[in-house]
């Protein structure tokens, strides 16, 4: 099943969180923070959103940094995704 976002929405899949800290401490699953770096899986067409023309600047496959508590989390075919607006993406990691 494919997800096709509408307007200026973007579908992302979070990258795996670090399992150990830099000092070597192993983190349990409850101690891990939600990762803020994700990969873009699907991009909406942009267009007229709230009366303003929106041009999509992210592409499928881009690694992005997102706002910490943004978007709507969904589970589809056993995979977890987040759907958010392009404006909730803070940066593209190059």
N, C-alpha and C. Protein backbone atom coordinates (compact mmCIF):
# COMPACT_ATOMS: atom_id res chain seq x y z
N UNK A 1 0.85 -1.18 0.00
CA UNK A 1 0.00 0.00 0.00
C UNK A 1 0.89 1.24 0.00
N UNK A 2 0.57 2.19 -0.85
CA UNK A 2 1.34 3.43 -0.94
C UNK A 2 0.60 4.57 -0.26
N UNK A 3 1.36 5.53 0.24
CA UNK A 3 0.79 6.74 0.82
C UNK A 3 1.06 7.88 -0.14
N UNK A 4 0.03 8.59 -0.53
CA UNK A 4 0.18 9.73 -1.43
C UNK A 4 -0.30 10.99 -0.69
N UNK A 5 0.62 11.80 -0.17
CA UNK A 5 0.21 12.99 0.58
C UNK A 5 -0.40 14.05 -0.31
N UNK A 6 -1.29 14.85 0.25
CA UNK A 6 -1.96 15.92 -0.47
C UNK A 6 -1.34 17.26 -0.10
N UNK A 7 -1.54 18.24 -0.95
CA UNK A 7 -1.10 19.64 -0.73
C UNK A 7 0.37 19.70 -0.35
N UNK A 8 0.69 20.36 0.76
CA UNK A 8 2.09 20.54 1.15
C UNK A 8 2.51 19.55 2.24
N UNK A 9 1.87 18.39 2.27
CA UNK A 9 2.22 17.37 3.26
C UNK A 9 3.36 16.49 2.76
N UNK A 10 4.11 15.97 3.72
CA UNK A 10 5.27 15.12 3.44
C UNK A 10 5.17 13.90 4.35
N UNK A 11 5.47 12.72 3.82
CA UNK A 11 5.51 11.49 4.62
C UNK A 11 6.97 11.16 4.88
N UNK A 12 7.30 10.96 6.17
CA UNK A 12 8.68 10.64 6.53
C UNK A 12 8.72 9.36 7.34
N UNK A 13 9.89 8.74 7.36
CA UNK A 13 10.13 7.57 8.19
C UNK A 13 11.34 7.88 9.05
N UNK A 14 11.17 7.79 10.35
CA UNK A 14 12.25 8.14 11.28
C UNK A 14 13.40 7.16 11.16
N UNK A 15 14.61 7.67 11.30
CA UNK A 15 15.79 6.81 11.33
C UNK A 15 15.91 6.23 12.72
N UNK A 16 16.63 5.16 12.85
CA UNK A 16 16.77 4.50 14.15
C UNK A 16 17.51 5.40 15.13
N UNK A 17 17.03 5.44 16.36
CA UNK A 17 17.66 6.24 17.41
C UNK A 17 18.94 5.56 17.89
N UNK A 18 19.83 6.35 18.43
CA UNK A 18 21.08 5.82 18.97
C UNK A 18 20.77 4.84 20.12
N UNK A 19 21.44 3.71 20.15
CA UNK A 19 21.23 2.73 21.21
C UNK A 19 22.17 2.96 22.38
N UNK A 20 23.31 3.64 22.14
CA UNK A 20 24.25 3.95 23.21
C UNK A 20 24.63 5.42 23.15
N UNK A 21 24.97 5.97 24.29
CA UNK A 21 25.41 7.36 24.33
C UNK A 21 26.86 7.44 23.89
N UNK A 22 27.38 8.65 23.73
CA UNK A 22 28.79 8.81 23.33
C UNK A 22 29.73 8.25 24.37
N UNK A 23 29.31 8.25 25.64
CA UNK A 23 30.16 7.72 26.70
C UNK A 23 30.03 6.22 26.87
N UNK A 24 29.16 5.57 26.04
CA UNK A 24 29.06 4.13 26.05
C UNK A 24 27.92 3.57 26.88
N UNK A 25 27.03 4.40 27.40
CA UNK A 25 25.90 3.92 28.19
C UNK A 25 24.83 3.40 27.25
N UNK A 26 24.36 2.18 27.49
CA UNK A 26 23.33 1.57 26.66
C UNK A 26 21.97 2.08 27.14
N UNK A 27 21.17 2.56 26.20
CA UNK A 27 19.86 3.11 26.52
C UNK A 27 18.77 2.06 26.33
N UNK A 28 17.81 2.04 27.25
CA UNK A 28 16.65 1.17 27.09
C UNK A 28 15.68 1.85 26.13
N UNK A 29 14.71 1.11 25.65
CA UNK A 29 13.77 1.70 24.68
C UNK A 29 12.95 2.83 25.28
N UNK A 30 12.70 2.83 26.58
CA UNK A 30 11.94 3.91 27.20
C UNK A 30 12.77 5.17 27.40
N UNK A 31 14.08 5.05 27.43
CA UNK A 31 14.95 6.21 27.65
C UNK A 31 15.33 6.91 26.36
N UNK A 32 15.03 6.29 25.22
CA UNK A 32 15.38 6.89 23.94
C UNK A 32 14.46 8.04 23.61
N UNK A 33 15.02 9.09 23.03
CA UNK A 33 14.21 10.21 22.56
C UNK A 33 13.73 9.92 21.15
N UNK A 34 12.62 10.52 20.80
CA UNK A 34 12.11 10.39 19.43
C UNK A 34 13.14 11.00 18.49
N UNK A 35 13.58 10.27 17.47
CA UNK A 35 14.59 10.82 16.57
C UNK A 35 14.05 12.02 15.79
N UNK A 36 14.91 13.00 15.57
CA UNK A 36 14.51 14.19 14.83
C UNK A 36 15.03 14.17 13.40
N UNK A 37 15.80 13.14 13.05
CA UNK A 37 16.28 12.99 11.67
C UNK A 37 15.47 11.88 11.03
N UNK A 38 14.96 12.16 9.83
CA UNK A 38 14.10 11.19 9.15
C UNK A 38 14.38 11.22 7.66
N UNK A 39 13.87 10.22 6.97
CA UNK A 39 14.00 10.15 5.51
C UNK A 39 12.64 10.41 4.89
N UNK A 40 12.62 11.23 3.85
CA UNK A 40 11.38 11.55 3.15
C UNK A 40 10.97 10.36 2.29
N UNK A 41 9.74 9.89 2.48
CA UNK A 41 9.22 8.73 1.76
C UNK A 41 8.31 9.16 0.61
N UNK A 42 7.52 10.22 0.83
CA UNK A 42 6.60 10.72 -0.20
C UNK A 42 6.39 12.22 0.00
N UNK A 43 6.16 12.93 -1.11
CA UNK A 43 5.99 14.38 -1.08
C UNK A 43 4.71 14.75 -1.83
N UNK A 44 3.92 15.62 -1.22
CA UNK A 44 2.70 16.10 -1.87
C UNK A 44 3.04 17.03 -3.03
N UNK A 45 2.05 17.40 -3.83
CA UNK A 45 2.30 18.23 -5.01
C UNK A 45 2.48 19.71 -4.73
N UNK A 46 2.20 20.16 -3.50
CA UNK A 46 2.27 21.60 -3.23
C UNK A 46 1.04 22.28 -3.80
N UNK A 47 1.23 23.45 -4.40
CA UNK A 47 0.11 24.16 -4.99
C UNK A 47 -0.44 25.22 -4.07
N UNK A 48 -1.71 25.51 -4.19
CA UNK A 48 -2.36 26.55 -3.41
C UNK A 48 -2.77 26.00 -2.05
N UNK A 49 -2.14 26.50 -0.97
CA UNK A 49 -2.43 26.07 0.38
C UNK A 49 -2.73 27.30 1.23
N UNK A 50 -3.91 27.34 1.81
CA UNK A 50 -4.34 28.48 2.64
C UNK A 50 -4.21 29.80 1.88
N UNK A 51 -4.51 29.78 0.59
CA UNK A 51 -4.48 30.99 -0.22
C UNK A 51 -3.10 31.42 -0.68
N UNK A 52 -2.08 30.63 -0.40
CA UNK A 52 -0.71 30.97 -0.82
C UNK A 52 -0.14 29.84 -1.66
N UNK A 53 0.65 30.21 -2.65
CA UNK A 53 1.31 29.22 -3.51
C UNK A 53 2.48 28.60 -2.74
N UNK A 54 2.49 27.25 -2.65
CA UNK A 54 3.55 26.54 -1.94
C UNK A 54 4.32 25.69 -2.94
N UNK A 55 5.63 25.90 -3.01
CA UNK A 55 6.51 25.10 -3.86
C UNK A 55 7.23 24.10 -2.96
N UNK A 56 7.19 22.84 -3.34
CA UNK A 56 7.83 21.80 -2.53
C UNK A 56 9.35 21.83 -2.75
N UNK A 57 10.09 21.89 -1.66
CA UNK A 57 11.55 21.98 -1.75
C UNK A 57 12.25 20.71 -1.29
N UNK A 58 11.50 19.74 -0.77
CA UNK A 58 12.09 18.46 -0.38
C UNK A 58 11.74 17.42 -1.42
N UNK A 59 12.58 16.40 -1.52
CA UNK A 59 12.38 15.33 -2.48
C UNK A 59 12.41 13.98 -1.77
N UNK A 60 11.83 12.98 -2.38
CA UNK A 60 11.87 11.62 -1.84
C UNK A 60 13.33 11.21 -1.71
N UNK A 61 13.68 10.64 -0.55
CA UNK A 61 15.05 10.20 -0.30
C UNK A 61 15.89 11.19 0.49
N UNK A 62 15.43 12.45 0.61
CA UNK A 62 16.16 13.45 1.40
C UNK A 62 16.15 13.06 2.87
N UNK A 63 17.27 13.30 3.55
CA UNK A 63 17.34 13.19 5.00
C UNK A 63 17.02 14.57 5.55
N UNK A 64 16.08 14.65 6.49
CA UNK A 64 15.64 15.94 7.00
C UNK A 64 15.64 15.95 8.52
N UNK A 65 15.71 17.15 9.07
CA UNK A 65 15.56 17.36 10.50
C UNK A 65 14.19 17.97 10.72
N UNK A 66 13.42 17.37 11.61
CA UNK A 66 12.05 17.83 11.83
C UNK A 66 11.89 18.41 13.23
N UNK A 67 10.85 19.21 13.41
CA UNK A 67 10.52 19.72 14.73
C UNK A 67 10.17 18.55 15.64
N UNK A 68 10.49 18.66 16.92
CA UNK A 68 10.41 17.52 17.84
C UNK A 68 9.02 16.89 17.95
N UNK A 69 7.99 17.68 18.10
CA UNK A 69 6.65 17.12 18.32
C UNK A 69 5.70 17.46 17.18
N UNK A 70 6.15 17.38 15.96
CA UNK A 70 5.31 17.76 14.82
C UNK A 70 4.78 16.53 14.10
N UNK A 71 3.70 16.73 13.38
CA UNK A 71 3.17 15.69 12.52
C UNK A 71 2.21 14.73 13.20
N UNK A 72 1.68 13.85 12.38
CA UNK A 72 0.76 12.81 12.82
C UNK A 72 1.40 11.46 12.55
N UNK A 73 1.54 10.65 13.59
CA UNK A 73 2.17 9.35 13.43
C UNK A 73 1.12 8.33 13.00
N UNK A 74 1.49 7.50 12.02
CA UNK A 74 0.59 6.44 11.55
C UNK A 74 1.39 5.15 11.44
N UNK A 75 0.69 4.03 11.48
CA UNK A 75 1.31 2.73 11.29
C UNK A 75 0.61 2.07 10.11
N UNK A 76 1.40 1.66 9.11
CA UNK A 76 0.85 1.08 7.89
C UNK A 76 1.72 -0.11 7.48
N UNK A 77 1.10 -1.26 7.33
CA UNK A 77 1.82 -2.49 6.95
C UNK A 77 2.98 -2.78 7.90
N UNK A 78 2.80 -2.52 9.18
CA UNK A 78 3.83 -2.80 10.17
C UNK A 78 4.94 -1.77 10.26
N UNK A 79 4.90 -0.74 9.45
CA UNK A 79 5.91 0.32 9.46
C UNK A 79 5.31 1.59 10.07
N UNK A 80 6.15 2.37 10.78
CA UNK A 80 5.67 3.61 11.36
C UNK A 80 6.14 4.79 10.51
N UNK A 81 5.20 5.68 10.20
CA UNK A 81 5.47 6.87 9.40
C UNK A 81 4.92 8.09 10.12
N UNK A 82 5.37 9.26 9.71
CA UNK A 82 4.83 10.51 10.21
C UNK A 82 4.45 11.36 9.00
N UNK A 83 3.26 11.95 9.05
CA UNK A 83 2.81 12.87 8.01
C UNK A 83 2.84 14.26 8.62
N UNK A 84 3.55 15.17 7.97
CA UNK A 84 3.66 16.53 8.47
C UNK A 84 3.69 17.51 7.32
N UNK A 85 3.49 18.78 7.63
CA UNK A 85 3.56 19.82 6.61
C UNK A 85 5.02 20.14 6.32
N UNK A 86 5.28 20.58 5.13
CA UNK A 86 6.65 20.92 4.75
C UNK A 86 7.23 21.99 5.69
N UNK A 87 6.40 22.87 6.20
CA UNK A 87 6.88 23.93 7.09
C UNK A 87 7.38 23.39 8.43
N UNK A 88 7.05 22.14 8.79
CA UNK A 88 7.56 21.54 10.02
C UNK A 88 8.94 20.93 9.83
N UNK A 89 9.43 20.91 8.61
CA UNK A 89 10.79 20.44 8.33
C UNK A 89 11.75 21.61 8.53
N UNK A 90 12.73 21.42 9.41
CA UNK A 90 13.63 22.50 9.76
C UNK A 90 14.83 22.61 8.83
N UNK A 91 15.32 21.47 8.33
CA UNK A 91 16.52 21.50 7.47
C UNK A 91 16.64 20.20 6.70
N UNK A 92 17.40 20.25 5.62
CA UNK A 92 17.77 19.06 4.84
C UNK A 92 19.21 18.74 5.17
N UNK A 93 19.49 17.48 5.52
CA UNK A 93 20.84 17.07 5.85
C UNK A 93 21.54 16.65 4.56
N UNK A 94 22.67 17.28 4.26
CA UNK A 94 23.41 16.97 3.02
C UNK A 94 24.67 16.21 3.32
